[in-house]
Amino acid sequence: TQLLEKLHQTREAATAAIASHPDSIDLYSRRGDACFFLGKFAEAVHDYDRMVVLDPALDASHWRRGIACFYTGQFEQGAAQFTRYHSYDNVDRENGIWRYLCQYKARGQAAAQAELLKYEKDDREPFGNLYRMFEGDLAPAEVLERIQAQTLPEQERERQLFYAELYVGLFEWVEGRHDSARTHLEAATLNTWGPRAGYGPQFMWHVARLQFEQLSNPP
């Protein structure tokens, strides 16, 4: 597809540029993202690790490395990354969700729920309700119903629905409800806000796309 061709071109161009600029953090970042979006997760971890070697100050905030670790099965390393991120940003519940997902895969649901990060400040919606879902206090359908029940500008509704469909999909996936997960992840992938909203949301849109493709085409 056109998307995959563009990603391959980005990866190849970054590789060529790294040959003459081996200490460029930006180039490793660009190639790492292209690798991740192509489903080459181990290569993405390698490039994200290289960024931190070049600038250790990036370590705590490197959430992309945590997600790449999750997708290479390095669940303990991923959880540790998200634990460090919490010292960098103690408001972002999205980070806490990824730590939960890593710990769920590493040690099971009970341990993951018991060790959920605690937050004292409000985060942007729908992450308050999503976090309550991971805590076990809210059903997935209720998260989506609460968004639909609000009077919101269209773009804000699309933003909230994107994150809700993505994380409800990931929640259902780790719980083993794959048909439900596929439905929600497809909705997140079809949501037009994510891919056009800028860097972080665009990255998460690729997560939705890749996870949906994995569930639709199991090995």
N, C-alpha and C. Protein backbone atom coordinates (compact mmCIF):
# COMPACT_ATOMS: atom_id res chain seq x y z
N THR A 1 0.84 -1.20 0.00
CA THR A 1 0.00 0.00 0.00
C THR A 1 0.88 1.25 0.00
N GLN A 2 0.23 2.37 -0.27
CA GLN A 2 0.95 3.65 -0.32
C GLN A 2 1.59 3.98 1.03
N LEU A 3 0.85 3.70 2.12
CA LEU A 3 1.38 3.96 3.46
C LEU A 3 2.66 3.16 3.70
N LEU A 4 2.62 1.86 3.40
CA LEU A 4 3.77 1.00 3.65
C LEU A 4 4.96 1.40 2.77
N GLU A 5 4.68 1.75 1.53
CA GLU A 5 5.77 2.20 0.64
C GLU A 5 6.45 3.44 1.21
N LYS A 6 5.65 4.37 1.70
CA LYS A 6 6.22 5.60 2.28
C LYS A 6 7.06 5.28 3.51
N LEU A 7 6.58 4.35 4.34
CA LEU A 7 7.33 3.98 5.55
C LEU A 7 8.65 3.29 5.20
N HIS A 8 8.63 2.42 4.18
CA HIS A 8 9.87 1.79 3.74
C HIS A 8 10.86 2.84 3.23
N GLN A 9 10.35 3.83 2.50
CA GLN A 9 11.21 4.89 1.99
C GLN A 9 11.82 5.71 3.14
N THR A 10 11.00 6.00 4.14
CA THR A 10 11.49 6.76 5.31
C THR A 10 12.60 5.97 6.01
N ARG A 11 12.36 4.68 6.20
CA ARG A 11 13.35 3.83 6.88
C ARG A 11 14.65 3.78 6.09
N GLU A 12 14.56 3.60 4.77
CA GLU A 12 15.77 3.51 3.94
C GLU A 12 16.52 4.84 3.91
N ALA A 13 15.77 5.94 3.82
CA ALA A 13 16.42 7.26 3.79
C ALA A 13 17.13 7.54 5.12
N ALA A 14 16.50 7.17 6.23
CA ALA A 14 17.12 7.39 7.54
C ALA A 14 18.37 6.52 7.69
N THR A 15 18.30 5.28 7.21
CA THR A 15 19.46 4.39 7.28
C THR A 15 20.63 4.97 6.50
N ALA A 16 20.35 5.49 5.31
CA ALA A 16 21.40 6.10 4.48
C ALA A 16 22.00 7.32 5.18
N ALA A 17 21.14 8.12 5.80
CA ALA A 17 21.62 9.34 6.46
C ALA A 17 22.42 9.01 7.72
N ILE A 18 22.03 7.94 8.44
CA ILE A 18 22.75 7.54 9.66
C ILE A 18 24.18 7.15 9.34
N ALA A 19 24.41 6.61 8.15
CA ALA A 19 25.76 6.21 7.76
C ALA A 19 26.73 7.39 7.83
N SER A 20 26.23 8.57 7.49
CA SER A 20 27.12 9.75 7.55
C SER A 20 26.88 10.63 8.77
N HIS A 21 25.80 10.35 9.50
CA HIS A 21 25.52 11.10 10.74
C HIS A 21 25.17 10.10 11.85
N PRO A 22 26.16 9.31 12.29
CA PRO A 22 25.87 8.20 13.23
C PRO A 22 25.47 8.64 14.63
N ASP A 23 25.57 9.93 14.93
CA ASP A 23 25.20 10.40 16.26
C ASP A 23 23.95 11.28 16.24
N SER A 24 23.15 11.15 15.17
CA SER A 24 21.94 11.98 15.05
C SER A 24 20.77 11.32 15.76
N ILE A 25 20.35 11.90 16.86
CA ILE A 25 19.20 11.37 17.61
C ILE A 25 17.94 11.43 16.75
N ASP A 26 17.79 12.52 16.01
CA ASP A 26 16.60 12.69 15.17
C ASP A 26 16.48 11.58 14.13
N LEU A 27 17.59 11.18 13.54
CA LEU A 27 17.56 10.12 12.53
C LEU A 27 17.19 8.78 13.13
N TYR A 28 17.73 8.47 14.31
CA TYR A 28 17.35 7.21 14.98
C TYR A 28 15.88 7.24 15.38
N SER A 29 15.40 8.40 15.81
CA SER A 29 13.99 8.55 16.16
C SER A 29 13.11 8.30 14.94
N ARG A 30 13.49 8.91 13.83
CA ARG A 30 12.70 8.78 12.59
C ARG A 30 12.70 7.33 12.10
N ARG A 31 13.89 6.70 12.12
CA ARG A 31 13.96 5.32 11.65
C ARG A 31 13.25 4.37 12.62
N GLY A 32 13.40 4.64 13.92
CA GLY A 32 12.72 3.81 14.91
C GLY A 32 11.21 3.83 14.72
N ASP A 33 10.67 5.02 14.48
CA ASP A 33 9.22 5.11 14.25
C ASP A 33 8.82 4.36 12.98
N ALA A 34 9.58 4.55 11.91
CA ALA A 34 9.26 3.86 10.65
C ALA A 34 9.29 2.34 10.86
N CYS A 35 10.29 1.87 11.59
CA CYS A 35 10.37 0.43 11.88
C CYS A 35 9.16 -0.02 12.69
N PHE A 36 8.81 0.74 13.71
CA PHE A 36 7.65 0.37 14.53
C PHE A 36 6.40 0.30 13.66
N PHE A 37 6.18 1.32 12.85
CA PHE A 37 4.97 1.37 12.03
C PHE A 37 4.94 0.25 10.98
N LEU A 38 6.10 -0.27 10.64
CA LEU A 38 6.19 -1.42 9.72
C LEU A 38 6.07 -2.75 10.45
N GLY A 39 5.92 -2.69 11.78
CA GLY A 39 5.82 -3.92 12.56
C GLY A 39 7.16 -4.56 12.86
N LYS A 40 8.25 -3.83 12.62
CA LYS A 40 9.60 -4.32 12.92
C LYS A 40 9.98 -3.82 14.32
N PHE A 41 9.38 -4.44 15.32
CA PHE A 41 9.43 -3.91 16.68
C PHE A 41 10.83 -4.00 17.29
N ALA A 42 11.54 -5.10 17.05
CA ALA A 42 12.88 -5.24 17.62
C ALA A 42 13.82 -4.17 17.05
N GLU A 43 13.68 -3.87 15.77
CA GLU A 43 14.50 -2.81 15.17
C GLU A 43 14.15 -1.45 15.77
N ALA A 44 12.87 -1.25 16.06
CA ALA A 44 12.46 0.01 16.70
C ALA A 44 13.09 0.13 18.08
N VAL A 45 13.06 -0.94 18.88
CA VAL A 45 13.68 -0.91 20.20
C VAL A 45 15.16 -0.56 20.08
N HIS A 46 15.83 -1.16 19.11
CA HIS A 46 17.27 -0.89 18.90
C HIS A 46 17.51 0.60 18.67
N ASP A 47 16.69 1.22 17.80
CA ASP A 47 16.90 2.63 17.49
C ASP A 47 16.53 3.53 18.66
N TYR A 48 15.47 3.17 19.38
CA TYR A 48 15.09 3.96 20.55
C TYR A 48 16.15 3.84 21.65
N ASP A 49 16.71 2.64 21.82
CA ASP A 49 17.81 2.47 22.77
C ASP A 49 19.00 3.35 22.39
N ARG A 50 19.28 3.39 21.10
CA ARG A 50 20.41 4.19 20.61
C ARG A 50 20.22 5.67 20.94
N MET A 51 18.98 6.15 20.84
CA MET A 51 18.69 7.54 21.19
C MET A 51 19.08 7.83 22.64
N VAL A 52 18.77 6.89 23.53
CA VAL A 52 19.05 7.09 24.96
C VAL A 52 20.55 6.99 25.23
N VAL A 53 21.25 6.14 24.49
CA VAL A 53 22.71 6.07 24.61
C VAL A 53 23.32 7.43 24.23
N LEU A 54 22.80 8.02 23.16
CA LEU A 54 23.32 9.31 22.68
C LEU A 54 22.94 10.46 23.61
N ASP A 55 21.77 10.35 24.26
CA ASP A 55 21.34 11.39 25.20
C ASP A 55 20.58 10.73 26.35
N PRO A 56 21.28 10.38 27.44
CA PRO A 56 20.65 9.69 28.57
C PRO A 56 19.47 10.46 29.18
N ALA A 57 19.42 11.77 28.95
CA ALA A 57 18.30 12.56 29.49
C ALA A 57 16.96 12.16 28.88
N LEU A 58 17.00 11.45 27.75
CA LEU A 58 15.77 11.02 27.09
C LEU A 58 15.15 9.80 27.76
N ASP A 59 15.88 9.15 28.64
CA ASP A 59 15.46 7.84 29.15
C ASP A 59 14.07 7.84 29.77
N ALA A 60 13.84 8.70 30.75
CA ALA A 60 12.58 8.64 31.50
C ALA A 60 11.36 8.92 30.63
N SER A 61 11.50 9.80 29.65
CA SER A 61 10.34 10.24 28.86
C SER A 61 10.09 9.41 27.62
N HIS A 62 10.89 8.36 27.38
CA HIS A 62 10.82 7.66 26.09
C HIS A 62 9.72 6.60 26.08
N TRP A 63 8.47 7.07 26.08
CA TRP A 63 7.31 6.16 26.09
C TRP A 63 7.24 5.28 24.84
N ARG A 64 7.74 5.78 23.71
CA ARG A 64 7.71 4.95 22.49
C ARG A 64 8.53 3.68 22.69
N ARG A 65 9.65 3.79 23.40
CA ARG A 65 10.47 2.61 23.67
C ARG A 65 9.70 1.60 24.52
N GLY A 66 8.92 2.10 25.48
CA GLY A 66 8.12 1.21 26.31
C GLY A 66 7.11 0.42 25.49
N ILE A 67 6.45 1.09 24.56
CA ILE A 67 5.46 0.41 23.71
C ILE A 67 6.15 -0.59 22.79
N ALA A 68 7.30 -0.22 22.25
CA ALA A 68 8.05 -1.15 21.39
C ALA A 68 8.50 -2.37 22.19
N CYS A 69 8.92 -2.17 23.43
CA CYS A 69 9.28 -3.30 24.30
C CYS A 69 8.07 -4.22 24.49
N PHE A 70 6.90 -3.64 24.70
CA PHE A 70 5.68 -4.43 24.86
C PHE A 70 5.48 -5.34 23.65
N TYR A 71 5.67 -4.79 22.46
CA TYR A 71 5.41 -5.57 21.25
C TYR A 71 6.54 -6.52 20.88
N THR A 72 7.67 -6.44 21.57
CA THR A 72 8.70 -7.47 21.39
C THR A 72 8.64 -8.51 22.51
N GLY A 73 7.65 -8.39 23.39
CA GLY A 73 7.53 -9.34 24.48
C GLY A 73 8.44 -9.06 25.66
N GLN A 74 9.07 -7.88 25.66
CA GLN A 74 9.93 -7.48 26.79
C GLN A 74 9.07 -6.73 27.81
N PHE A 75 8.18 -7.49 28.45
CA PHE A 75 7.15 -6.86 29.27
C PHE A 75 7.71 -6.21 30.53
N GLU A 76 8.69 -6.84 31.16
CA GLU A 76 9.28 -6.25 32.36
C GLU A 76 10.03 -4.96 32.03
N GLN A 77 10.75 -4.98 30.90
CA GLN A 77 11.46 -3.76 30.47
C GLN A 77 10.47 -2.65 30.14
N GLY A 78 9.37 -3.03 29.49
CA GLY A 78 8.34 -2.04 29.18
C GLY A 78 7.73 -1.44 30.43
N ALA A 79 7.39 -2.30 31.39
CA ALA A 79 6.81 -1.81 32.65
C ALA A 79 7.78 -0.87 33.37
N ALA A 80 9.07 -1.22 33.33
CA ALA A 80 10.09 -0.37 33.97
C ALA A 80 10.16 0.99 33.28
N GLN A 81 10.04 0.99 31.95
CA GLN A 81 10.06 2.25 31.20
C GLN A 81 8.89 3.14 31.64
N PHE A 82 7.70 2.55 31.75
CA PHE A 82 6.53 3.35 32.12
C PHE A 82 6.57 3.77 33.59
N THR A 83 7.24 2.99 34.42
CA THR A 83 7.45 3.41 35.81
C THR A 83 8.33 4.65 35.85
N ARG A 84 9.40 4.64 35.04
CA ARG A 84 10.29 5.82 34.99
C ARG A 84 9.55 7.02 34.41
N TYR A 85 8.69 6.78 33.44
CA TYR A 85 7.94 7.89 32.83
C TYR A 85 7.05 8.57 33.88
N HIS A 86 6.54 7.79 34.82
CA HIS A 86 5.65 8.36 35.84
C HIS A 86 6.38 9.40 36.68
N SER A 87 7.70 9.24 36.85
CA SER A 87 8.48 10.24 37.58
C SER A 87 8.67 11.51 36.74
N TYR A 88 8.49 11.35 35.43
CA TYR A 88 8.63 12.48 34.49
C TYR A 88 7.29 13.20 34.33
N ASP A 89 6.19 12.45 34.32
CA ASP A 89 4.85 13.00 34.12
C ASP A 89 3.87 12.16 34.95
N ASN A 90 3.40 12.72 36.07
CA ASN A 90 2.54 11.95 36.97
C ASN A 90 1.06 12.26 36.79
N VAL A 91 0.72 12.80 35.60
CA VAL A 91 -0.69 13.09 35.29
C VAL A 91 -1.21 12.16 34.19
N ASP A 92 -0.34 11.74 33.29
CA ASP A 92 -0.73 11.04 32.07
C ASP A 92 -1.12 9.58 32.33
N ARG A 93 -2.43 9.34 32.42
CA ARG A 93 -2.92 7.99 32.69
C ARG A 93 -2.68 7.02 31.53
N GLU A 94 -2.46 7.55 30.35
CA GLU A 94 -2.13 6.69 29.21
C GLU A 94 -0.87 5.87 29.52
N ASN A 95 0.07 6.52 30.17
CA ASN A 95 1.29 5.83 30.61
C ASN A 95 0.96 4.71 31.60
N GLY A 96 0.08 5.00 32.54
CA GLY A 96 -0.31 3.99 33.52
C GLY A 96 -1.00 2.80 32.88
N ILE A 97 -1.77 3.06 31.82
CA ILE A 97 -2.44 1.97 31.10
C ILE A 97 -1.42 1.06 30.45
N TRP A 98 -0.39 1.64 29.82
CA TRP A 98 0.64 0.81 29.18
C TRP A 98 1.43 0.02 30.20
N ARG A 99 1.66 0.60 31.36
CA ARG A 99 2.35 -0.15 32.43
C ARG A 99 1.48 -1.33 32.86
N TYR A 100 0.17 -1.10 32.98
CA TYR A 100 -0.76 -2.18 33.32
C TYR A 100 -0.69 -3.29 32.27
N LEU A 101 -0.72 -2.90 30.98
CA LEU A 101 -0.70 -3.91 29.91
C LEU A 101 0.58 -4.75 29.97
N CYS A 102 1.71 -4.09 30.22
CA CYS A 102 2.98 -4.82 30.35
C CYS A 102 2.92 -5.78 31.53
N GLN A 103 2.43 -5.29 32.67
CA GLN A 103 2.41 -6.13 33.86
C GLN A 103 1.38 -7.26 33.72
N TYR A 104 0.28 -7.00 33.03
CA TYR A 104 -0.71 -8.05 32.77
C TYR A 104 -0.05 -9.18 32.00
N LYS A 105 0.70 -8.84 30.95
CA LYS A 105 1.36 -9.86 30.14
C LYS A 105 2.47 -10.56 30.91
N ALA A 106 3.12 -9.83 31.80
CA ALA A 106 4.24 -10.42 32.56
C ALA A 106 3.76 -11.27 33.73
N ARG A 107 2.71 -10.79 34.45
CA ARG A 107 2.37 -11.45 35.72
C ARG A 107 0.88 -11.69 35.93
N GLY A 108 0.05 -11.35 34.95
CA GLY A 108 -1.37 -11.62 35.08
C GLY A 108 -2.18 -10.43 35.56
N GLN A 109 -3.51 -10.57 35.43
CA GLN A 109 -4.41 -9.46 35.70
C GLN A 109 -4.39 -9.00 37.16
N ALA A 110 -4.40 -9.94 38.10
CA ALA A 110 -4.48 -9.56 39.51
C ALA A 110 -3.29 -8.71 39.92
N ALA A 111 -2.09 -9.11 39.51
CA ALA A 111 -0.88 -8.34 39.85
C ALA A 111 -0.90 -6.98 39.17
N ALA A 112 -1.32 -6.96 37.90
CA ALA A 112 -1.35 -5.70 37.16
C ALA A 112 -2.31 -4.72 37.81
N GLN A 113 -3.47 -5.21 38.23
CA GLN A 113 -4.47 -4.33 38.84
C GLN A 113 -4.01 -3.85 40.22
N ALA A 114 -3.38 -4.76 40.96
CA ALA A 114 -2.91 -4.39 42.30
C ALA A 114 -1.82 -3.32 42.24
N GLU A 115 -1.05 -3.32 41.14
CA GLU A 115 0.09 -2.41 41.04
C GLU A 115 -0.18 -1.22 40.13
N LEU A 116 -1.45 -0.97 39.81
CA LEU A 116 -1.77 0.20 38.99
C LEU A 116 -1.22 1.47 39.62
N LEU A 117 -0.64 2.32 38.81
CA LEU A 117 -0.13 3.60 39.30
C LEU A 117 -1.27 4.44 39.87
N LYS A 118 -0.98 5.22 40.89
CA LYS A 118 -1.98 6.10 41.49
C LYS A 118 -1.81 7.51 40.95
N TYR A 119 -2.92 8.14 40.64
CA TYR A 119 -2.91 9.51 40.12
C TYR A 119 -3.74 10.40 41.02
N GLU A 120 -3.23 11.60 41.28
CA GLU A 120 -3.94 12.54 42.13
C GLU A 120 -4.52 13.71 41.35
N LYS A 121 -4.00 13.94 40.16
CA LYS A 121 -4.48 15.06 39.33
C LYS A 121 -5.29 14.52 38.16
N ASP A 122 -6.25 15.32 37.70
CA ASP A 122 -7.08 14.92 36.58
C ASP A 122 -6.28 14.89 35.28
N ASP A 123 -6.63 13.94 34.43
CA ASP A 123 -6.05 13.86 33.09
C ASP A 123 -7.14 14.26 32.09
N ARG A 124 -6.77 14.43 30.84
CA ARG A 124 -7.74 14.72 29.79
C ARG A 124 -8.68 13.54 29.62
N GLU A 125 -9.93 13.83 29.30
CA GLU A 125 -10.87 12.75 29.03
C GLU A 125 -10.56 12.17 27.64
N PRO A 126 -10.81 10.90 27.44
CA PRO A 126 -11.59 9.99 28.28
C PRO A 126 -10.75 9.17 29.25
N PHE A 127 -9.52 9.63 29.57
CA PHE A 127 -8.60 8.76 30.32
C PHE A 127 -9.02 8.53 31.76
N GLY A 128 -9.79 9.44 32.35
CA GLY A 128 -10.32 9.18 33.68
C GLY A 128 -11.20 7.94 33.68
N ASN A 129 -12.13 7.90 32.74
CA ASN A 129 -13.04 6.75 32.65
C ASN A 129 -12.32 5.50 32.17
N LEU A 130 -11.39 5.65 31.24
CA LEU A 130 -10.62 4.48 30.78
C LEU A 130 -9.83 3.87 31.94
N TYR A 131 -9.26 4.72 32.77
CA TYR A 131 -8.47 4.20 33.89
C TYR A 131 -9.37 3.46 34.87
N ARG A 132 -10.59 3.98 35.07
CA ARG A 132 -11.55 3.29 35.94
C ARG A 132 -11.90 1.92 35.36
N MET A 133 -11.92 1.82 34.04
CA MET A 133 -12.16 0.51 33.41
C MET A 133 -11.03 -0.45 33.74
N PHE A 134 -9.78 0.00 33.64
CA PHE A 134 -8.65 -0.87 33.96
C PHE A 134 -8.60 -1.20 35.46
N GLU A 135 -9.12 -0.29 36.28
CA GLU A 135 -9.20 -0.56 37.72
C GLU A 135 -10.29 -1.59 38.05
N GLY A 136 -11.19 -1.80 37.09
CA GLY A 136 -12.27 -2.76 37.30
C GLY A 136 -13.56 -2.12 37.78
N ASP A 137 -13.64 -0.79 37.73
CA ASP A 137 -14.81 -0.08 38.26
C ASP A 137 -15.79 0.37 37.18
N LEU A 138 -15.47 0.15 35.91
CA LEU A 138 -16.32 0.62 34.82
C LEU A 138 -16.26 -0.40 33.69
N ALA A 139 -17.40 -0.72 33.11
CA ALA A 139 -17.43 -1.66 31.98
C ALA A 139 -17.01 -0.94 30.70
N PRO A 140 -16.40 -1.65 29.75
CA PRO A 140 -16.00 -1.02 28.49
C PRO A 140 -17.13 -0.26 27.80
N ALA A 141 -18.32 -0.85 27.76
CA ALA A 141 -19.46 -0.19 27.08
C ALA A 141 -19.78 1.14 27.75
N GLU A 142 -19.62 1.22 29.09
CA GLU A 142 -19.94 2.46 29.81
C GLU A 142 -18.99 3.60 29.42
N VAL A 143 -17.72 3.25 29.15
CA VAL A 143 -16.76 4.29 28.74
C VAL A 143 -17.26 4.97 27.47
N LEU A 144 -17.69 4.17 26.52
CA LEU A 144 -18.16 4.71 25.23
C LEU A 144 -19.50 5.41 25.39
N GLU A 145 -20.38 4.85 26.22
CA GLU A 145 -21.69 5.47 26.43
C GLU A 145 -21.56 6.86 27.05
N ARG A 146 -20.61 7.02 27.95
CA ARG A 146 -20.43 8.33 28.61
C ARG A 146 -19.96 9.40 27.63
N ILE A 147 -19.17 8.98 26.63
CA ILE A 147 -18.75 9.95 25.60
C ILE A 147 -19.95 10.33 24.75
N GLN A 148 -20.73 9.33 24.33
CA GLN A 148 -21.88 9.59 23.46
C GLN A 148 -22.95 10.42 24.17
N ALA A 149 -23.02 10.31 25.48
CA ALA A 149 -24.05 11.04 26.24
C ALA A 149 -23.73 12.52 26.40
N GLN A 150 -22.48 12.91 26.13
CA GLN A 150 -22.08 14.30 26.31
C GLN A 150 -22.38 15.13 25.06
N THR A 151 -22.59 16.42 25.28
CA THR A 151 -22.67 17.36 24.16
C THR A 151 -21.28 17.91 23.92
N LEU A 152 -20.66 17.47 22.84
CA LEU A 152 -19.26 17.82 22.56
C LEU A 152 -19.11 18.36 21.15
N PRO A 153 -18.16 19.28 20.92
CA PRO A 153 -17.83 19.64 19.54
C PRO A 153 -17.38 18.38 18.79
N GLU A 154 -17.65 18.33 17.51
CA GLU A 154 -17.42 17.11 16.74
C GLU A 154 -15.97 16.62 16.83
N GLN A 155 -15.02 17.53 16.75
CA GLN A 155 -13.61 17.12 16.79
C GLN A 155 -13.25 16.53 18.15
N GLU A 156 -13.79 17.12 19.22
CA GLU A 156 -13.52 16.61 20.56
C GLU A 156 -14.16 15.23 20.74
N ARG A 157 -15.36 15.05 20.19
CA ARG A 157 -16.00 13.74 20.26
C ARG A 157 -15.15 12.70 19.54
N GLU A 158 -14.65 13.05 18.35
CA GLU A 158 -13.81 12.12 17.59
C GLU A 158 -12.53 11.80 18.35
N ARG A 159 -11.94 12.81 18.99
CA ARG A 159 -10.71 12.58 19.77
C ARG A 159 -10.97 11.60 20.91
N GLN A 160 -12.02 11.86 21.67
CA GLN A 160 -12.32 10.97 22.80
C GLN A 160 -12.67 9.57 22.33
N LEU A 161 -13.43 9.47 21.24
CA LEU A 161 -13.80 8.14 20.73
C LEU A 161 -12.58 7.39 20.21
N PHE A 162 -11.64 8.09 19.61
CA PHE A 162 -10.42 7.42 19.13
C PHE A 162 -9.71 6.72 20.29
N TYR A 163 -9.43 7.47 21.36
CA TYR A 163 -8.72 6.88 22.49
C TYR A 163 -9.57 5.80 23.18
N ALA A 164 -10.86 6.04 23.28
CA ALA A 164 -11.72 5.05 23.94
C ALA A 164 -11.74 3.74 23.15
N GLU A 165 -11.91 3.83 21.84
CA GLU A 165 -11.96 2.60 21.02
C GLU A 165 -10.61 1.88 21.06
N LEU A 166 -9.51 2.64 21.01
CA LEU A 166 -8.18 2.04 21.06
C LEU A 166 -7.98 1.27 22.37
N TYR A 167 -8.23 1.94 23.49
CA TYR A 167 -7.90 1.31 24.77
C TYR A 167 -8.95 0.29 25.23
N VAL A 168 -10.20 0.47 24.83
CA VAL A 168 -11.17 -0.61 25.05
C VAL A 168 -10.74 -1.83 24.23
N GLY A 169 -10.29 -1.59 23.00
CA GLY A 169 -9.82 -2.70 22.16
C GLY A 169 -8.63 -3.43 22.77
N LEU A 170 -7.67 -2.69 23.30
CA LEU A 170 -6.50 -3.32 23.92
C LEU A 170 -6.90 -4.04 25.22
N PHE A 171 -7.83 -3.46 25.96
CA PHE A 171 -8.33 -4.09 27.18
C PHE A 171 -8.99 -5.44 26.84
N GLU A 172 -9.85 -5.42 25.84
CA GLU A 172 -10.54 -6.65 25.44
C GLU A 172 -9.54 -7.68 24.90
N TRP A 173 -8.51 -7.21 24.21
CA TRP A 173 -7.51 -8.12 23.65
C TRP A 173 -6.76 -8.86 24.75
N VAL A 174 -6.24 -8.12 25.75
CA VAL A 174 -5.48 -8.82 26.80
C VAL A 174 -6.39 -9.73 27.63
N GLU A 175 -7.68 -9.40 27.68
CA GLU A 175 -8.63 -10.25 28.40
C GLU A 175 -9.02 -11.48 27.58
N GLY A 176 -8.58 -11.54 26.32
CA GLY A 176 -8.85 -12.70 25.49
C GLY A 176 -10.15 -12.64 24.71
N ARG A 177 -10.82 -11.49 24.73
CA ARG A 177 -12.07 -11.33 23.97
C ARG A 177 -11.74 -10.75 22.60
N HIS A 178 -11.24 -11.57 21.71
CA HIS A 178 -10.63 -11.09 20.48
C HIS A 178 -11.63 -10.53 19.48
N ASP A 179 -12.84 -11.09 19.43
CA ASP A 179 -13.83 -10.54 18.49
C ASP A 179 -14.21 -9.12 18.89
N SER A 180 -14.44 -8.91 20.17
CA SER A 180 -14.75 -7.57 20.67
C SER A 180 -13.57 -6.63 20.45
N ALA A 181 -12.36 -7.12 20.74
CA ALA A 181 -11.15 -6.30 20.54
C ALA A 181 -11.04 -5.84 19.09
N ARG A 182 -11.27 -6.77 18.18
CA ARG A 182 -11.16 -6.45 16.74
C ARG A 182 -12.15 -5.35 16.35
N THR A 183 -13.37 -5.45 16.88
CA THR A 183 -14.40 -4.45 16.57
C THR A 183 -13.96 -3.06 17.02
N HIS A 184 -13.45 -2.97 18.24
CA HIS A 184 -13.06 -1.65 18.78
C HIS A 184 -11.79 -1.13 18.10
N LEU A 185 -10.84 -2.00 17.84
CA LEU A 185 -9.61 -1.56 17.19
C LEU A 185 -9.86 -1.13 15.75
N GLU A 186 -10.80 -1.79 15.11
CA GLU A 186 -11.16 -1.35 13.75
C GLU A 186 -11.78 0.05 13.80
N ALA A 187 -12.62 0.29 14.80
CA ALA A 187 -13.23 1.62 14.95
C ALA A 187 -12.15 2.68 15.18
N ALA A 188 -11.14 2.35 16.00
CA ALA A 188 -10.04 3.30 16.24
C ALA A 188 -9.25 3.55 14.95
N THR A 189 -9.04 2.49 14.17
CA THR A 189 -8.28 2.61 12.92
C THR A 189 -9.04 3.45 11.90
N LEU A 190 -10.35 3.32 11.88
CA LEU A 190 -11.18 4.07 10.92
C LEU A 190 -11.41 5.52 11.37
N ASN A 191 -11.15 5.81 12.63
CA ASN A 191 -11.32 7.16 13.15
C ASN A 191 -10.31 8.09 12.46
N THR A 192 -10.79 9.18 11.90
CA THR A 192 -9.91 10.05 11.11
C THR A 192 -9.15 11.07 11.95
N TRP A 193 -9.52 11.21 13.24
CA TRP A 193 -8.82 12.20 14.07
C TRP A 193 -7.37 11.78 14.33
N GLY A 194 -7.17 10.51 14.70
CA GLY A 194 -5.85 10.04 15.10
C GLY A 194 -4.74 10.33 14.11
N PRO A 195 -4.88 9.86 12.84
CA PRO A 195 -3.77 10.01 11.90
C PRO A 195 -3.48 11.45 11.49
N ARG A 196 -4.43 12.37 11.74
CA ARG A 196 -4.17 13.75 11.31
C ARG A 196 -3.95 14.71 12.49
N ALA A 197 -3.92 14.15 13.71
CA ALA A 197 -3.90 15.04 14.89
C ALA A 197 -2.50 15.39 15.38
N GLY A 198 -1.46 14.86 14.73
CA GLY A 198 -0.12 15.20 15.19
C GLY A 198 0.57 14.00 15.79
N TYR A 199 1.74 14.25 16.35
CA TYR A 199 2.69 13.17 16.60
C TYR A 199 2.21 12.03 17.51
N GLY A 200 1.87 12.35 18.77
CA GLY A 200 1.46 11.29 19.70
C GLY A 200 0.24 10.52 19.24
N PRO A 201 -0.86 11.24 18.89
CA PRO A 201 -2.05 10.53 18.40
C PRO A 201 -1.77 9.70 17.13
N GLN A 202 -0.94 10.23 16.26
CA GLN A 202 -0.62 9.49 15.03
C GLN A 202 0.11 8.18 15.37
N PHE A 203 1.03 8.24 16.32
CA PHE A 203 1.72 7.03 16.75
C PHE A 203 0.71 6.02 17.29
N MET A 204 -0.23 6.50 18.11
CA MET A 204 -1.21 5.59 18.69
C MET A 204 -2.18 5.06 17.64
N TRP A 205 -2.43 5.83 16.60
CA TRP A 205 -3.25 5.32 15.49
C TRP A 205 -2.56 4.12 14.83
N HIS A 206 -1.24 4.22 14.68
CA HIS A 206 -0.50 3.08 14.12
C HIS A 206 -0.58 1.86 15.05
N VAL A 207 -0.55 2.11 16.38
CA VAL A 207 -0.72 1.00 17.32
C VAL A 207 -2.06 0.31 17.07
N ALA A 208 -3.13 1.11 16.93
CA ALA A 208 -4.46 0.55 16.66
C ALA A 208 -4.44 -0.26 15.37
N ARG A 209 -3.86 0.31 14.33
CA ARG A 209 -3.80 -0.36 13.02
C ARG A 209 -3.04 -1.67 13.10
N LEU A 210 -1.87 -1.65 13.74
CA LEU A 210 -1.04 -2.86 13.82
C LEU A 210 -1.71 -3.94 14.66
N GLN A 211 -2.32 -3.53 15.79
CA GLN A 211 -2.97 -4.52 16.65
C GLN A 211 -4.19 -5.11 15.94
N PHE A 212 -4.92 -4.27 15.22
CA PHE A 212 -6.08 -4.76 14.45
C PHE A 212 -5.62 -5.75 13.38
N GLU A 213 -4.53 -5.42 12.69
CA GLU A 213 -4.01 -6.33 11.65
C GLU A 213 -3.54 -7.65 12.26
N GLN A 214 -2.90 -7.59 13.42
CA GLN A 214 -2.46 -8.82 14.10
C GLN A 214 -3.64 -9.73 14.44
N LEU A 215 -4.71 -9.11 14.93
CA LEU A 215 -5.89 -9.90 15.30
C LEU A 215 -6.64 -10.42 14.07
N SER A 216 -6.58 -9.66 12.99
CA SER A 216 -7.30 -10.06 11.77
C SER A 216 -6.53 -11.11 10.98
N ASN A 217 -5.21 -11.15 11.16
CA ASN A 217 -4.36 -12.11 10.41
C ASN A 217 -3.43 -12.83 11.38
N PRO A 218 -3.98 -13.68 12.25
CA PRO A 218 -3.13 -14.35 13.23
C PRO A 218 -2.13 -15.28 12.54
N PRO A 219 -0.93 -15.47 13.15
CA PRO A 219 0.09 -16.31 12.52
C PRO A 219 -0.34 -17.76 12.44
